[in-house]
Amino acid sequence: MTDELTAQARAILAANRYAVLGTATPAGEPWVSPVYFVNLDFSRVLWLSRPSARHSELIADNPRIAVTVFDSTVPMGGATAFYARATAAPCPDSDLAVQLGIFSTRSVAEGFPAWRLNQVTGEAPLRLYRADITEAWLLPADDGPERRVPLPL
């Protein structure tokens, strides 16, 4: 069963382009933001954001986030989703070229231009962020009540 659930989770991540990031203020007030994402299996999620974006500012104060990826086009009762807890931050310079290459490969596959380092460094308005996943779950597609099944990392 674990292989089947892992395959379902991978299929959700491969078929969907946007993740919802859940962040919080220091007082615990929630904030959610959709972002175009690229995942590295269940270990990491990458996205581009402005450091001045609300979720980026909240990540700077509190790097603990939640991530949800789901297909909103399925009919009621057919929902399936990938959930994760993660630690997020701007991608460090030491790993930026490699991680941007991974992000860029998916972007190109979607018909967008390749991303270059000068587009996410210096005076450029965007930065590459990464979230290292610490826990992950799958909401399997079935007709029962919501149940999150832990995924192996």
N, C-alpha and C. Protein backbone atom coordinates (compact mmCIF):
# COMPACT_ATOMS: atom_id res chain seq x y z
N MET A 1 0.81 -1.20 0.00
CA MET A 1 0.00 0.00 0.00
C MET A 1 0.86 1.27 0.00
N THR A 2 1.99 1.23 0.68
CA THR A 2 2.84 2.42 0.74
C THR A 2 3.33 2.81 -0.65
N ASP A 3 3.70 1.83 -1.49
CA ASP A 3 4.16 2.15 -2.85
C ASP A 3 3.05 2.83 -3.65
N GLU A 4 1.83 2.35 -3.48
CA GLU A 4 0.70 2.94 -4.19
C GLU A 4 0.44 4.37 -3.72
N LEU A 5 0.51 4.59 -2.42
CA LEU A 5 0.29 5.94 -1.89
C LEU A 5 1.42 6.89 -2.29
N THR A 6 2.64 6.39 -2.27
CA THR A 6 3.78 7.20 -2.71
C THR A 6 3.61 7.58 -4.18
N ALA A 7 3.16 6.63 -5.00
CA ALA A 7 2.92 6.91 -6.42
C ALA A 7 1.82 7.96 -6.59
N GLN A 8 0.76 7.88 -5.77
CA GLN A 8 -0.31 8.89 -5.83
C GLN A 8 0.24 10.28 -5.49
N ALA A 9 1.05 10.34 -4.46
CA ALA A 9 1.63 11.64 -4.06
C ALA A 9 2.52 12.20 -5.16
N ARG A 10 3.34 11.35 -5.75
CA ARG A 10 4.20 11.82 -6.84
C ARG A 10 3.37 12.31 -8.03
N ALA A 11 2.27 11.62 -8.31
CA ALA A 11 1.40 12.01 -9.42
C ALA A 11 0.77 13.38 -9.16
N ILE A 12 0.36 13.64 -7.93
CA ILE A 12 -0.21 14.95 -7.58
C ILE A 12 0.83 16.05 -7.81
N LEU A 13 2.04 15.82 -7.32
CA LEU A 13 3.10 16.82 -7.47
C LEU A 13 3.48 17.03 -8.93
N ALA A 14 3.46 15.98 -9.73
CA ALA A 14 3.82 16.10 -11.14
C ALA A 14 2.74 16.78 -11.97
N ALA A 15 1.48 16.59 -11.60
CA ALA A 15 0.37 17.09 -12.41
C ALA A 15 -0.04 18.51 -12.09
N ASN A 16 0.40 19.03 -10.97
CA ASN A 16 -0.04 20.36 -10.55
C ASN A 16 1.13 21.33 -10.50
N ARG A 17 0.83 22.58 -10.78
CA ARG A 17 1.89 23.58 -10.91
C ARG A 17 1.94 24.56 -9.75
N TYR A 18 0.87 24.62 -8.97
CA TYR A 18 0.82 25.59 -7.88
C TYR A 18 0.68 24.90 -6.54
N ALA A 19 1.42 25.42 -5.58
CA ALA A 19 1.33 24.97 -4.19
C ALA A 19 0.80 26.15 -3.38
N VAL A 20 0.17 25.84 -2.28
CA VAL A 20 -0.25 26.86 -1.33
C VAL A 20 0.70 26.79 -0.14
N LEU A 21 1.34 27.92 0.14
CA LEU A 21 2.24 28.02 1.29
C LEU A 21 1.46 28.59 2.46
N GLY A 22 1.55 27.93 3.59
CA GLY A 22 0.96 28.45 4.82
C GLY A 22 2.05 29.00 5.71
N THR A 23 1.96 30.28 6.04
CA THR A 23 2.93 30.94 6.90
C THR A 23 2.15 31.58 8.05
N ALA A 24 2.87 32.14 9.01
CA ALA A 24 2.19 32.79 10.13
C ALA A 24 3.02 33.95 10.65
N THR A 25 2.32 34.94 11.19
CA THR A 25 2.99 36.06 11.84
C THR A 25 3.58 35.59 13.17
N PRO A 26 4.45 36.38 13.77
CA PRO A 26 4.96 35.99 15.10
C PRO A 26 3.84 35.79 16.13
N ALA A 27 2.70 36.46 15.93
CA ALA A 27 1.56 36.30 16.84
C ALA A 27 0.69 35.10 16.48
N GLY A 28 1.06 34.40 15.40
CA GLY A 28 0.31 33.21 15.00
C GLY A 28 -0.81 33.45 14.01
N GLU A 29 -0.94 34.66 13.48
CA GLU A 29 -1.98 34.94 12.50
C GLU A 29 -1.60 34.29 11.17
N PRO A 30 -2.49 33.47 10.59
CA PRO A 30 -2.14 32.72 9.38
C PRO A 30 -2.16 33.59 8.13
N TRP A 31 -1.37 33.15 7.15
CA TRP A 31 -1.33 33.78 5.83
C TRP A 31 -1.02 32.67 4.83
N VAL A 32 -1.80 32.60 3.76
CA VAL A 32 -1.55 31.59 2.73
C VAL A 32 -1.32 32.28 1.39
N SER A 33 -0.48 31.65 0.58
CA SER A 33 -0.11 32.22 -0.72
C SER A 33 0.08 31.11 -1.74
N PRO A 34 -0.53 31.25 -2.93
CA PRO A 34 -0.24 30.29 -3.99
C PRO A 34 1.07 30.67 -4.68
N VAL A 35 1.88 29.68 -4.99
CA VAL A 35 3.13 29.91 -5.72
C VAL A 35 3.32 28.82 -6.76
N TYR A 36 3.89 29.19 -7.89
CA TYR A 36 4.32 28.20 -8.88
C TYR A 36 5.51 27.48 -8.26
N PHE A 37 5.48 26.15 -8.26
CA PHE A 37 6.52 25.41 -7.56
C PHE A 37 7.15 24.33 -8.42
N VAL A 38 8.32 23.92 -7.99
CA VAL A 38 9.01 22.74 -8.52
C VAL A 38 9.42 21.94 -7.29
N ASN A 39 9.19 20.65 -7.35
CA ASN A 39 9.56 19.81 -6.20
C ASN A 39 10.71 18.89 -6.54
N LEU A 40 11.46 18.54 -5.53
CA LEU A 40 12.50 17.52 -5.61
C LEU A 40 11.99 16.35 -4.79
N ASP A 41 11.19 15.51 -5.44
CA ASP A 41 10.51 14.40 -4.80
C ASP A 41 9.81 14.91 -3.55
N PHE A 42 9.98 14.24 -2.41
CA PHE A 42 9.33 14.68 -1.19
C PHE A 42 10.28 15.44 -0.28
N SER A 43 11.45 15.79 -0.77
CA SER A 43 12.44 16.40 0.12
C SER A 43 12.47 17.92 0.08
N ARG A 44 12.08 18.52 -1.05
CA ARG A 44 12.25 19.98 -1.17
C ARG A 44 11.25 20.54 -2.18
N VAL A 45 10.84 21.78 -1.93
CA VAL A 45 9.99 22.54 -2.85
C VAL A 45 10.72 23.84 -3.15
N LEU A 46 10.72 24.24 -4.43
CA LEU A 46 11.36 25.49 -4.87
C LEU A 46 10.31 26.41 -5.47
N TRP A 47 10.48 27.72 -5.27
CA TRP A 47 9.61 28.70 -5.91
C TRP A 47 10.34 30.05 -5.97
N LEU A 48 9.83 30.93 -6.82
CA LEU A 48 10.37 32.29 -6.93
C LEU A 48 9.41 33.26 -6.25
N SER A 49 9.96 34.18 -5.49
CA SER A 49 9.14 35.21 -4.83
C SER A 49 9.95 36.48 -4.65
N ARG A 50 9.23 37.54 -4.46
CA ARG A 50 9.86 38.80 -4.06
C ARG A 50 10.12 38.74 -2.56
N PRO A 51 11.28 39.18 -2.11
CA PRO A 51 11.52 39.23 -0.66
C PRO A 51 10.52 40.13 0.07
N SER A 52 9.92 41.07 -0.65
CA SER A 52 8.95 41.98 -0.03
C SER A 52 7.53 41.41 0.00
N ALA A 53 7.31 40.25 -0.60
CA ALA A 53 5.99 39.62 -0.56
C ALA A 53 5.67 39.24 0.89
N ARG A 54 4.42 39.29 1.25
CA ARG A 54 4.01 39.01 2.63
C ARG A 54 4.52 37.66 3.11
N HIS A 55 4.36 36.62 2.29
CA HIS A 55 4.81 35.30 2.74
C HIS A 55 6.33 35.25 2.89
N SER A 56 7.07 35.96 2.05
CA SER A 56 8.53 35.99 2.17
C SER A 56 8.95 36.69 3.46
N GLU A 57 8.28 37.79 3.77
CA GLU A 57 8.59 38.49 5.02
C GLU A 57 8.29 37.61 6.23
N LEU A 58 7.18 36.87 6.16
CA LEU A 58 6.83 35.98 7.27
C LEU A 58 7.83 34.84 7.41
N ILE A 59 8.30 34.33 6.28
CA ILE A 59 9.32 33.27 6.31
C ILE A 59 10.61 33.79 6.95
N ALA A 60 10.95 35.04 6.68
CA ALA A 60 12.15 35.62 7.29
C ALA A 60 12.03 35.66 8.82
N ASP A 61 10.81 35.87 9.31
CA ASP A 61 10.57 35.90 10.76
C ASP A 61 10.38 34.51 11.36
N ASN A 62 9.77 33.62 10.59
CA ASN A 62 9.45 32.27 11.08
C ASN A 62 9.55 31.31 9.90
N PRO A 63 10.62 30.56 9.78
CA PRO A 63 10.82 29.71 8.60
C PRO A 63 9.96 28.45 8.56
N ARG A 64 9.20 28.17 9.60
CA ARG A 64 8.35 26.97 9.60
C ARG A 64 7.09 27.26 8.79
N ILE A 65 6.86 26.43 7.77
CA ILE A 65 5.71 26.63 6.88
C ILE A 65 4.98 25.31 6.67
N ALA A 66 3.80 25.43 6.06
CA ALA A 66 3.05 24.28 5.58
C ALA A 66 2.91 24.44 4.07
N VAL A 67 2.85 23.31 3.37
CA VAL A 67 2.71 23.30 1.92
C VAL A 67 1.57 22.35 1.57
N THR A 68 0.68 22.79 0.68
CA THR A 68 -0.39 21.92 0.20
C THR A 68 -0.42 22.00 -1.32
N VAL A 69 -0.53 20.85 -1.96
CA VAL A 69 -0.68 20.76 -3.41
C VAL A 69 -1.90 19.88 -3.67
N PHE A 70 -2.86 20.39 -4.44
CA PHE A 70 -4.07 19.62 -4.71
C PHE A 70 -4.62 19.98 -6.07
N ASP A 71 -5.46 19.12 -6.59
CA ASP A 71 -6.11 19.35 -7.88
C ASP A 71 -7.51 19.88 -7.60
N SER A 72 -7.74 21.14 -7.87
CA SER A 72 -9.03 21.75 -7.57
C SER A 72 -10.08 21.46 -8.63
N THR A 73 -9.73 20.72 -9.67
CA THR A 73 -10.70 20.45 -10.73
C THR A 73 -11.48 19.17 -10.52
N VAL A 74 -11.13 18.38 -9.52
CA VAL A 74 -11.84 17.11 -9.32
C VAL A 74 -13.20 17.37 -8.69
N PRO A 75 -14.18 16.48 -8.96
CA PRO A 75 -15.50 16.66 -8.36
C PRO A 75 -15.48 16.41 -6.85
N MET A 76 -16.50 16.91 -6.17
CA MET A 76 -16.61 16.71 -4.73
C MET A 76 -16.53 15.21 -4.41
N GLY A 77 -15.76 14.89 -3.40
CA GLY A 77 -15.57 13.50 -3.01
C GLY A 77 -14.36 12.86 -3.66
N GLY A 78 -13.76 13.53 -4.64
CA GLY A 78 -12.60 12.96 -5.33
C GLY A 78 -11.30 13.64 -4.98
N ALA A 79 -11.32 14.47 -3.94
CA ALA A 79 -10.13 15.25 -3.59
C ALA A 79 -8.98 14.36 -3.16
N THR A 80 -7.82 14.74 -3.59
CA THR A 80 -6.57 14.12 -3.15
C THR A 80 -5.55 15.25 -3.04
N ALA A 81 -4.64 15.12 -2.08
CA ALA A 81 -3.72 16.23 -1.86
C ALA A 81 -2.42 15.74 -1.24
N PHE A 82 -1.38 16.55 -1.44
CA PHE A 82 -0.08 16.36 -0.80
C PHE A 82 0.05 17.47 0.23
N TYR A 83 0.37 17.10 1.46
CA TYR A 83 0.57 18.06 2.54
C TYR A 83 1.98 17.90 3.07
N ALA A 84 2.57 19.00 3.52
CA ALA A 84 3.90 18.90 4.12
C ALA A 84 4.12 20.01 5.14
N ARG A 85 4.99 19.71 6.08
CA ARG A 85 5.58 20.73 6.94
C ARG A 85 7.01 20.88 6.46
N ALA A 86 7.50 22.11 6.52
CA ALA A 86 8.84 22.35 5.98
C ALA A 86 9.48 23.55 6.66
N THR A 87 10.76 23.68 6.42
CA THR A 87 11.52 24.85 6.84
C THR A 87 11.96 25.59 5.58
N ALA A 88 11.59 26.86 5.48
CA ALA A 88 11.80 27.62 4.25
C ALA A 88 12.78 28.77 4.45
N ALA A 89 13.43 29.14 3.35
CA ALA A 89 14.38 30.26 3.34
C ALA A 89 14.77 30.55 1.90
N PRO A 90 15.34 31.72 1.65
CA PRO A 90 15.93 31.93 0.33
C PRO A 90 17.02 30.88 0.11
N CYS A 91 17.14 30.43 -1.11
CA CYS A 91 18.17 29.44 -1.43
C CYS A 91 19.55 30.06 -1.19
N PRO A 92 20.41 29.38 -0.45
CA PRO A 92 21.74 29.96 -0.19
C PRO A 92 22.58 30.04 -1.46
N ASP A 93 23.45 31.03 -1.51
CA ASP A 93 24.31 31.24 -2.68
C ASP A 93 25.09 29.99 -3.04
N SER A 94 25.51 29.22 -2.04
CA SER A 94 26.33 28.03 -2.29
C SER A 94 25.59 26.96 -3.09
N ASP A 95 24.27 27.00 -3.10
CA ASP A 95 23.47 25.99 -3.79
C ASP A 95 22.58 26.60 -4.87
N LEU A 96 22.67 27.90 -5.05
CA LEU A 96 21.74 28.61 -5.92
C LEU A 96 21.81 28.16 -7.38
N ALA A 97 22.99 28.01 -7.94
CA ALA A 97 23.11 27.64 -9.35
C ALA A 97 22.47 26.28 -9.62
N VAL A 98 22.71 25.32 -8.76
CA VAL A 98 22.15 23.97 -8.94
C VAL A 98 20.63 24.01 -8.80
N GLN A 99 20.13 24.64 -7.74
CA GLN A 99 18.69 24.67 -7.50
C GLN A 99 17.96 25.47 -8.57
N LEU A 100 18.55 26.58 -9.03
CA LEU A 100 17.93 27.36 -10.10
C LEU A 100 17.89 26.54 -11.39
N GLY A 101 18.92 25.74 -11.63
CA GLY A 101 18.92 24.86 -12.80
C GLY A 101 17.76 23.88 -12.76
N ILE A 102 17.49 23.33 -11.60
CA ILE A 102 16.37 22.39 -11.44
C ILE A 102 15.05 23.12 -11.67
N PHE A 103 14.90 24.29 -11.06
CA PHE A 103 13.69 25.08 -11.24
C PHE A 103 13.50 25.46 -12.71
N SER A 104 14.58 25.87 -13.34
CA SER A 104 14.54 26.31 -14.73
C SER A 104 14.16 25.18 -15.68
N THR A 105 14.65 23.98 -15.42
CA THR A 105 14.32 22.83 -16.27
C THR A 105 12.81 22.62 -16.33
N ARG A 106 12.15 22.69 -15.18
CA ARG A 106 10.69 22.53 -15.16
C ARG A 106 10.02 23.70 -15.85
N SER A 107 10.51 24.91 -15.63
CA SER A 107 9.93 26.09 -16.27
C SER A 107 10.00 25.97 -17.79
N VAL A 108 11.14 25.54 -18.30
CA VAL A 108 11.31 25.37 -19.74
C VAL A 108 10.35 24.30 -20.26
N ALA A 109 10.19 23.22 -19.52
CA ALA A 109 9.26 22.16 -19.91
C ALA A 109 7.82 22.67 -19.99
N GLU A 110 7.52 23.72 -19.23
CA GLU A 110 6.18 24.33 -19.24
C GLU A 110 6.05 25.43 -20.28
N GLY A 111 7.12 25.67 -21.06
CA GLY A 111 7.06 26.67 -22.11
C GLY A 111 7.56 28.06 -21.72
N PHE A 112 8.16 28.17 -20.54
CA PHE A 112 8.72 29.45 -20.10
C PHE A 112 10.21 29.49 -20.42
N PRO A 113 10.79 30.67 -20.48
CA PRO A 113 12.24 30.76 -20.71
C PRO A 113 13.02 30.20 -19.52
N ALA A 114 14.27 29.87 -19.78
CA ALA A 114 15.16 29.42 -18.72
C ALA A 114 15.46 30.59 -17.79
N TRP A 115 15.65 30.28 -16.51
CA TRP A 115 16.02 31.29 -15.53
C TRP A 115 17.52 31.38 -15.42
N ARG A 116 18.03 32.60 -15.28
CA ARG A 116 19.47 32.83 -15.14
C ARG A 116 19.76 33.40 -13.76
N LEU A 117 20.98 33.21 -13.30
CA LEU A 117 21.36 33.69 -11.97
C LEU A 117 21.13 35.19 -11.79
N ASN A 118 21.39 35.97 -12.84
CA ASN A 118 21.23 37.42 -12.70
C ASN A 118 19.76 37.84 -12.53
N GLN A 119 18.84 36.90 -12.74
CA GLN A 119 17.42 37.20 -12.55
C GLN A 119 16.96 36.98 -11.10
N VAL A 120 17.85 36.40 -10.28
CA VAL A 120 17.47 36.10 -8.89
C VAL A 120 18.55 36.54 -7.90
N THR A 121 19.45 37.40 -8.34
CA THR A 121 20.52 37.90 -7.46
C THR A 121 20.65 39.41 -7.64
N GLY A 122 21.48 40.02 -6.81
CA GLY A 122 21.77 41.45 -6.95
C GLY A 122 20.53 42.30 -6.84
N GLU A 123 20.34 43.18 -7.83
CA GLU A 123 19.20 44.10 -7.82
C GLU A 123 17.92 43.49 -8.39
N ALA A 124 17.97 42.24 -8.83
CA ALA A 124 16.78 41.60 -9.39
C ALA A 124 15.68 41.52 -8.33
N PRO A 125 14.42 41.66 -8.74
CA PRO A 125 13.34 41.69 -7.74
C PRO A 125 12.96 40.34 -7.15
N LEU A 126 13.33 39.26 -7.82
CA LEU A 126 12.94 37.92 -7.35
C LEU A 126 14.10 37.18 -6.71
N ARG A 127 13.74 36.24 -5.86
CA ARG A 127 14.72 35.33 -5.25
C ARG A 127 14.16 33.92 -5.35
N LEU A 128 15.06 32.95 -5.43
CA LEU A 128 14.65 31.55 -5.39
C LEU A 128 14.57 31.13 -3.93
N TYR A 129 13.43 30.61 -3.55
CA TYR A 129 13.22 30.11 -2.19
C TYR A 129 13.16 28.59 -2.24
N ARG A 130 13.50 28.00 -1.10
CA ARG A 130 13.38 26.56 -0.99
C ARG A 130 12.80 26.21 0.37
N ALA A 131 12.02 25.15 0.37
CA ALA A 131 11.47 24.62 1.61
C ALA A 131 11.93 23.18 1.72
N ASP A 132 12.65 22.90 2.78
CA ASP A 132 13.09 21.53 3.05
C ASP A 132 12.01 20.85 3.87
N ILE A 133 11.44 19.81 3.30
CA ILE A 133 10.30 19.13 3.90
C ILE A 133 10.75 18.28 5.09
N THR A 134 10.03 18.43 6.19
CA THR A 134 10.34 17.67 7.41
C THR A 134 9.32 16.57 7.66
N GLU A 135 8.09 16.75 7.19
CA GLU A 135 7.04 15.74 7.30
C GLU A 135 6.14 15.88 6.08
N ALA A 136 5.59 14.76 5.61
CA ALA A 136 4.70 14.81 4.45
C ALA A 136 3.58 13.79 4.61
N TRP A 137 2.42 14.15 4.04
CA TRP A 137 1.26 13.28 4.10
C TRP A 137 0.54 13.30 2.76
N LEU A 138 -0.26 12.28 2.54
CA LEU A 138 -1.13 12.19 1.37
C LEU A 138 -2.56 12.10 1.85
N LEU A 139 -3.44 12.87 1.24
CA LEU A 139 -4.87 12.66 1.37
C LEU A 139 -5.23 11.78 0.18
N PRO A 140 -5.41 10.46 0.40
CA PRO A 140 -5.66 9.58 -0.74
C PRO A 140 -7.04 9.81 -1.33
N ALA A 141 -7.16 9.51 -2.61
CA ALA A 141 -8.43 9.64 -3.30
C ALA A 141 -9.30 8.44 -2.94
N ASP A 142 -10.26 8.66 -2.08
CA ASP A 142 -11.24 7.62 -1.76
C ASP A 142 -12.50 8.34 -1.30
N ASP A 143 -13.52 7.58 -0.99
CA ASP A 143 -14.79 8.22 -0.65
C ASP A 143 -15.01 8.32 0.86
N GLY A 144 -13.97 8.16 1.64
CA GLY A 144 -14.10 8.23 3.10
C GLY A 144 -13.82 9.62 3.62
N PRO A 145 -13.92 9.77 4.94
CA PRO A 145 -13.60 11.07 5.54
C PRO A 145 -12.11 11.37 5.39
N GLU A 146 -11.78 12.65 5.55
CA GLU A 146 -10.37 13.04 5.40
C GLU A 146 -9.49 12.24 6.34
N ARG A 147 -8.44 11.69 5.77
CA ARG A 147 -7.43 10.99 6.56
C ARG A 147 -6.10 11.23 5.87
N ARG A 148 -5.17 11.72 6.59
CA ARG A 148 -3.84 11.97 6.04
C ARG A 148 -2.95 10.80 6.37
N VAL A 149 -2.34 10.26 5.34
CA VAL A 149 -1.45 9.10 5.50
C VAL A 149 -0.02 9.60 5.43
N PRO A 150 0.81 9.33 6.45
CA PRO A 150 2.21 9.77 6.41
C PRO A 150 2.95 9.17 5.21
N LEU A 151 3.82 9.97 4.62
CA LEU A 151 4.65 9.52 3.51
C LEU A 151 6.09 9.39 3.97
N PRO A 152 6.81 8.40 3.46
CA PRO A 152 8.23 8.29 3.81
C PRO A 152 9.02 9.39 3.10
N LEU A 153 9.95 9.97 3.80
CA LEU A 153 10.78 11.03 3.19
C LEU A 153 12.07 10.45 2.67
